Amino acid sequence: MPPQTLSQAHLDFGTPNYAAEAFVVSEETASARAALDQWRTWPGGVFCLFGEAGSGKSHLGAIWAEQAAATALKGSELTLQFAESLGASGQLIALIDDADQADETALFALLSRLEREGGAVLLLAQRPPALWDYGLADLRSRLKAIATESLKEPEQKLLAQLIVRYAAAKGFKLDEPSATYLAARIPRTFEAAKAVTACLETVATYSLKTPMALAQRALRALYPSDWTDEEVQSGDLFEA
């Protein structure tokens, strides 16, 4: 079986397409999407969407930010001055990505403003707010009360759909059986789907007759240690 970590996760895959129409709605993402659509009713005006890297939270966050006309920034960019000036010309509506990396004084000031003045703040992180490493007791108390939604790892069917879509973006026409073949053999993460699809471009210089042959070649290149000599020498593998 493929390893649970993916060293190739940092392969260059171009600029992310965060358009709403590019988002694949599935059972794993439907609940989070619905929660963001109801942002005007968030308890206290704040909500946290969390999940592993590549889970789709940044894409969902970008869709929400556009719909809500929110100011978007990274947690590391949130200073006390920024927290006090955000939304100065109107209602405070902001998206904070990697929110658990924000300065705790600045984050506390932002949440305090939100409580006093109203508005909406969407926080994105890999872990739920209750687990963030902050020492300020009042901030920890507020973080524990924030409504949250997690993005779960994608099912095999969704991974296959993503691989087909990513391949099309790369200029490859990958059929459903080939995408399903790949989805069953990689870690169940969005990053893995991107990495194996990016690998298709690397191996496309081979003269391969079928999409399945291309899929097999990409998988072999990405996870060389996961194939036995017998499998590699099999006449069914890498058909040319």
Protein backbone atom coordinates (compact mmCIF):
# COMPACT_ATOMS: atom_id res chain seq x y z
CA MET A 1 0.00 0.00 0.00
CA PRO A 2 1.18 3.60 -0.56
CA PRO A 3 2.78 5.36 2.41
CA GLN A 4 0.63 7.63 4.55
CA THR A 5 2.90 10.59 4.00
CA LEU A 6 3.51 12.12 0.61
CA SER A 7 6.91 13.62 0.01
CA GLN A 8 5.74 14.80 -3.40
CA ALA A 9 2.95 16.95 -1.91
CA HIS A 10 4.90 20.11 -2.72
CA LEU A 11 5.03 19.51 -6.47
CA ASP A 12 4.26 22.69 -8.36
CA PHE A 13 0.67 22.55 -9.55
CA GLY A 14 0.29 26.13 -10.69
CA THR A 15 -1.90 28.83 -9.22
CA PRO A 16 -4.91 27.36 -7.36
CA ASN A 17 -8.28 27.90 -9.02
CA TYR A 18 -10.50 29.09 -6.18
CA ALA A 19 -13.53 29.88 -8.35
CA ALA A 20 -16.82 28.58 -6.98
CA GLU A 21 -17.50 26.55 -10.11
CA ALA A 22 -14.15 24.75 -9.68
CA PHE A 23 -15.12 23.37 -6.27
CA VAL A 24 -16.22 19.73 -6.23
CA VAL A 25 -19.25 19.37 -3.94
CA SER A 26 -19.37 16.01 -2.18
CA GLU A 27 -20.74 14.37 0.94
CA GLU A 28 -17.49 15.31 2.67
CA THR A 29 -17.84 19.02 1.86
CA ALA A 30 -21.60 19.60 1.69
CA SER A 31 -22.02 20.33 5.42
CA ALA A 32 -19.16 22.83 5.48
CA ARG A 33 -20.44 24.57 2.35
CA ALA A 34 -23.92 24.87 3.92
CA ALA A 35 -22.46 26.32 7.14
CA LEU A 36 -20.61 29.01 5.19
CA ASP A 37 -23.72 29.88 3.21
CA GLN A 38 -25.43 30.65 6.54
CA TRP A 39 -22.69 33.01 7.71
CA ARG A 40 -25.09 35.74 8.80
CA THR A 41 -26.39 33.42 11.54
CA TRP A 42 -23.04 32.26 12.97
CA PRO A 43 -23.13 32.34 16.80
CA GLY A 44 -21.19 35.43 17.83
CA GLY A 45 -20.42 36.12 14.18
CA VAL A 46 -17.43 33.77 14.10
CA PHE A 47 -16.89 30.33 12.59
CA CYS A 48 -13.91 28.01 12.14
CA LEU A 49 -13.40 25.60 9.27
CA PHE A 50 -10.60 23.15 9.96
CA GLY A 51 -8.95 20.23 8.19
CA GLU A 52 -5.65 18.85 6.99
CA ALA A 53 -3.55 20.68 4.41
CA GLY A 54 -5.10 20.24 1.00
CA SER A 55 -8.54 19.39 2.39
CA GLY A 56 -10.20 22.22 0.49
CA LYS A 57 -10.71 24.71 3.31
CA SER A 58 -8.78 27.49 1.56
CA HIS A 59 -10.90 27.00 -1.54
CA LEU A 60 -14.13 27.14 0.48
CA GLY A 61 -12.78 30.13 2.38
CA ALA A 62 -12.01 31.98 -0.86
CA ILE A 63 -15.52 31.30 -2.14
CA TRP A 64 -16.99 32.64 1.10
CA ALA A 65 -14.72 35.70 1.11
CA GLU A 66 -15.90 36.65 -2.37
CA GLN A 67 -19.56 36.13 -1.52
CA ALA A 68 -19.32 38.07 1.75
CA ALA A 69 -16.94 40.76 0.40
CA ALA A 70 -14.55 39.88 3.22
CA THR A 71 -11.01 41.11 3.79
CA ALA A 72 -8.72 38.06 3.50
CA LEU A 73 -5.37 37.68 5.24
CA LYS A 74 -3.06 35.13 6.81
CA GLY A 75 -2.91 34.66 10.55
CA SER A 76 0.73 35.79 10.54
CA GLU A 77 -0.41 39.12 9.01
CA LEU A 78 -2.90 39.86 11.78
CA THR A 79 -1.33 42.53 13.96
CA LEU A 80 -3.00 44.45 16.76
CA GLN A 81 -3.16 47.54 14.56
CA PHE A 82 -4.69 45.51 11.75
CA ALA A 83 -7.24 43.95 14.10
CA GLU A 84 -8.34 47.40 15.26
CA SER A 85 -8.53 48.87 11.76
CA LEU A 86 -10.15 46.01 9.83
CA GLY A 87 -13.54 47.06 8.55
CA ALA A 88 -13.03 50.62 9.79
CA SER A 89 -15.07 51.97 6.87
CA GLY A 90 -17.88 49.48 7.37
CA GLN A 91 -18.83 46.24 9.07
CA LEU A 92 -16.06 43.89 10.19
CA ILE A 93 -16.06 40.96 7.75
CA ALA A 94 -12.81 39.03 7.50
CA LEU A 95 -11.24 35.70 6.53
CA ILE A 96 -8.19 34.63 8.55
CA ASP A 97 -6.30 31.70 6.99
CA ASP A 98 -3.90 29.78 9.26
CA ALA A 99 -5.66 31.58 12.10
CA ASP A 100 -3.80 29.56 14.73
CA GLN A 101 -0.61 31.36 13.63
CA ALA A 102 -1.96 34.78 14.57
CA ASP A 103 -0.55 36.86 17.40
CA GLU A 104 -2.74 36.05 20.40
CA THR A 105 -3.20 39.68 21.44
CA ALA A 106 -4.26 40.62 17.93
CA LEU A 107 -6.64 37.66 17.63
CA PHE A 108 -8.20 38.45 21.00
CA ALA A 109 -8.63 42.09 19.97
CA LEU A 110 -10.30 41.02 16.73
CA LEU A 111 -12.76 38.69 18.47
CA SER A 112 -13.48 41.37 21.08
CA ARG A 113 -14.30 43.87 18.34
CA LEU A 114 -16.53 41.34 16.69
CA GLU A 115 -18.43 40.84 19.94
CA ARG A 116 -18.87 44.60 20.44
CA GLU A 117 -19.59 45.71 16.89
CA GLY A 118 -20.93 42.66 15.09
CA GLY A 119 -19.86 41.37 11.69
CA ALA A 120 -18.44 38.03 10.60
CA VAL A 121 -15.04 36.36 10.84
CA LEU A 122 -14.16 33.02 9.24
CA LEU A 123 -11.12 31.27 10.71
CA LEU A 124 -9.26 28.55 8.81
CA ALA A 125 -6.83 26.14 10.46
CA GLN A 126 -5.70 22.54 10.52
CA ARG A 127 -6.95 21.97 14.07
CA PRO A 128 -10.10 23.09 15.94
CA PRO A 129 -9.75 26.34 17.96
CA ALA A 130 -9.98 24.51 21.28
CA LEU A 131 -6.59 22.91 20.50
CA TRP A 132 -4.72 26.06 19.49
CA ASP A 133 -1.61 26.79 21.54
CA TYR A 134 -2.40 30.13 23.16
CA GLY A 135 -1.60 31.15 26.72
CA LEU A 136 -4.13 33.97 27.16
CA ALA A 137 -6.92 32.50 29.29
CA ASP A 138 -9.64 34.83 27.98
CA LEU A 139 -8.70 33.98 24.40
CA ARG A 140 -8.73 30.24 25.07
CA SER A 141 -12.18 30.58 26.58
CA ARG A 142 -13.50 32.37 23.51
CA LEU A 143 -11.90 29.90 21.13
CA LYS A 144 -13.58 26.96 22.85
CA ALA A 145 -16.99 28.56 22.23
CA ILE A 146 -16.52 29.02 18.46
CA ALA A 147 -18.76 26.98 16.16
CA THR A 148 -16.71 24.69 13.92
CA GLU A 149 -16.92 22.34 10.98
CA SER A 150 -14.25 19.86 9.91
CA LEU A 151 -13.38 18.80 6.39
CA LYS A 152 -12.91 15.05 6.36
CA GLU A 153 -10.57 13.14 4.11
CA PRO A 154 -12.09 12.58 0.67
CA GLU A 155 -13.65 9.25 -0.26
CA GLN A 156 -12.25 7.26 -3.18
CA LYS A 157 -15.08 8.34 -5.51
CA LEU A 158 -14.36 12.02 -4.89
CA LEU A 159 -10.62 11.48 -5.34
CA ALA A 160 -11.27 9.89 -8.73
CA GLN A 161 -13.42 12.85 -9.78
CA LEU A 162 -10.69 15.25 -8.68
CA ILE A 163 -8.01 13.34 -10.56
CA VAL A 164 -10.06 13.52 -13.76
CA ARG A 165 -10.53 17.27 -13.23
CA TYR A 166 -6.89 17.91 -12.36
CA ALA A 167 -5.78 15.87 -15.39
CA ALA A 168 -8.03 17.92 -17.68
CA ALA A 169 -6.45 21.10 -16.28
CA LYS A 170 -3.07 19.63 -17.20
CA GLY A 171 -4.25 18.79 -20.71
CA PHE A 172 -4.71 15.04 -20.19
CA LYS A 173 -7.90 13.14 -20.91
CA LEU A 174 -8.03 10.50 -18.19
CA ASP A 175 -10.92 8.06 -18.22
CA GLU A 176 -12.89 7.04 -15.13
CA PRO A 177 -11.38 3.52 -14.76
CA SER A 178 -7.85 4.96 -14.81
CA ALA A 179 -8.75 7.67 -12.28
CA THR A 180 -10.44 5.08 -10.05
CA TYR A 181 -7.35 2.90 -10.30
CA LEU A 182 -5.19 5.78 -9.05
CA ALA A 183 -7.65 6.86 -6.33
CA ALA A 184 -7.60 3.37 -4.84
CA ARG A 185 -3.81 3.38 -4.55
CA ILE A 186 -2.90 6.79 -3.12
CA PRO A 187 -3.43 8.34 0.33
CA ARG A 188 -6.92 9.78 0.68
CA THR A 189 -5.90 13.43 0.54
CA PHE A 190 -6.39 16.24 -1.94
CA GLU A 191 -2.64 16.79 -2.01
CA ALA A 192 -2.08 13.18 -3.08
CA ALA A 193 -4.57 13.59 -5.92
CA LYS A 194 -2.75 16.70 -7.11
CA ALA A 195 0.65 15.06 -6.81
CA VAL A 196 -0.23 11.93 -8.78
CA THR A 197 -1.88 14.05 -11.47
CA ALA A 198 1.15 16.32 -11.70
CA CYS A 199 3.22 13.16 -12.13
CA LEU A 200 1.21 12.31 -15.24
CA GLU A 201 2.86 15.25 -16.98
CA THR A 202 6.30 13.92 -16.06
CA VAL A 203 5.70 10.48 -17.52
CA ALA A 204 3.66 11.61 -20.54
CA THR A 205 6.80 11.62 -22.70
CA TYR A 206 6.54 7.82 -22.86
CA SER A 207 4.68 6.36 -25.83
CA LEU A 208 1.75 4.86 -23.98
CA LYS A 209 -1.34 3.68 -25.80
CA THR A 210 -3.95 3.92 -23.06
CA PRO A 211 -4.86 6.20 -20.12
CA MET A 212 -4.46 3.19 -17.81
CA ALA A 213 -0.87 2.72 -18.94
CA LEU A 214 -0.20 6.38 -18.20
CA ALA A 215 -1.85 6.03 -14.78
CA GLN A 216 0.27 2.98 -13.97
CA ARG A 217 3.45 4.71 -15.07
CA ALA A 218 2.65 7.76 -12.91
CA LEU A 219 1.90 5.62 -9.88
CA ARG A 220 5.13 3.68 -10.34
CA ALA A 221 7.11 6.93 -10.62
CA LEU A 222 5.45 8.43 -7.55
CA TYR A 223 5.72 5.34 -5.31
CA PRO A 224 8.68 3.32 -6.67
CA SER A 225 9.15 1.34 -3.45
CA ASP A 226 5.57 0.03 -3.45
CA TRP A 227 5.99 -2.26 -6.47
CA THR A 228 7.54 -5.71 -6.33
CA ASP A 229 9.91 -6.85 -9.08
CA GLU A 230 7.25 -9.34 -10.14
CA GLU A 231 4.66 -6.59 -10.57
CA VAL A 232 7.04 -4.38 -12.51
CA GLN A 233 7.91 -7.24 -14.88
CA SER A 234 4.27 -8.23 -15.34
CA GLY A 235 3.01 -7.98 -18.90
CA ASP A 236 -0.09 -6.15 -17.59
CA LEU A 237 1.93 -3.27 -16.18
CA PHE A 238 2.95 -0.27 -18.25
CA GLU A 239 1.39 -1.59 -21.43
CA ALA A 240 2.92 0.29 -24.34
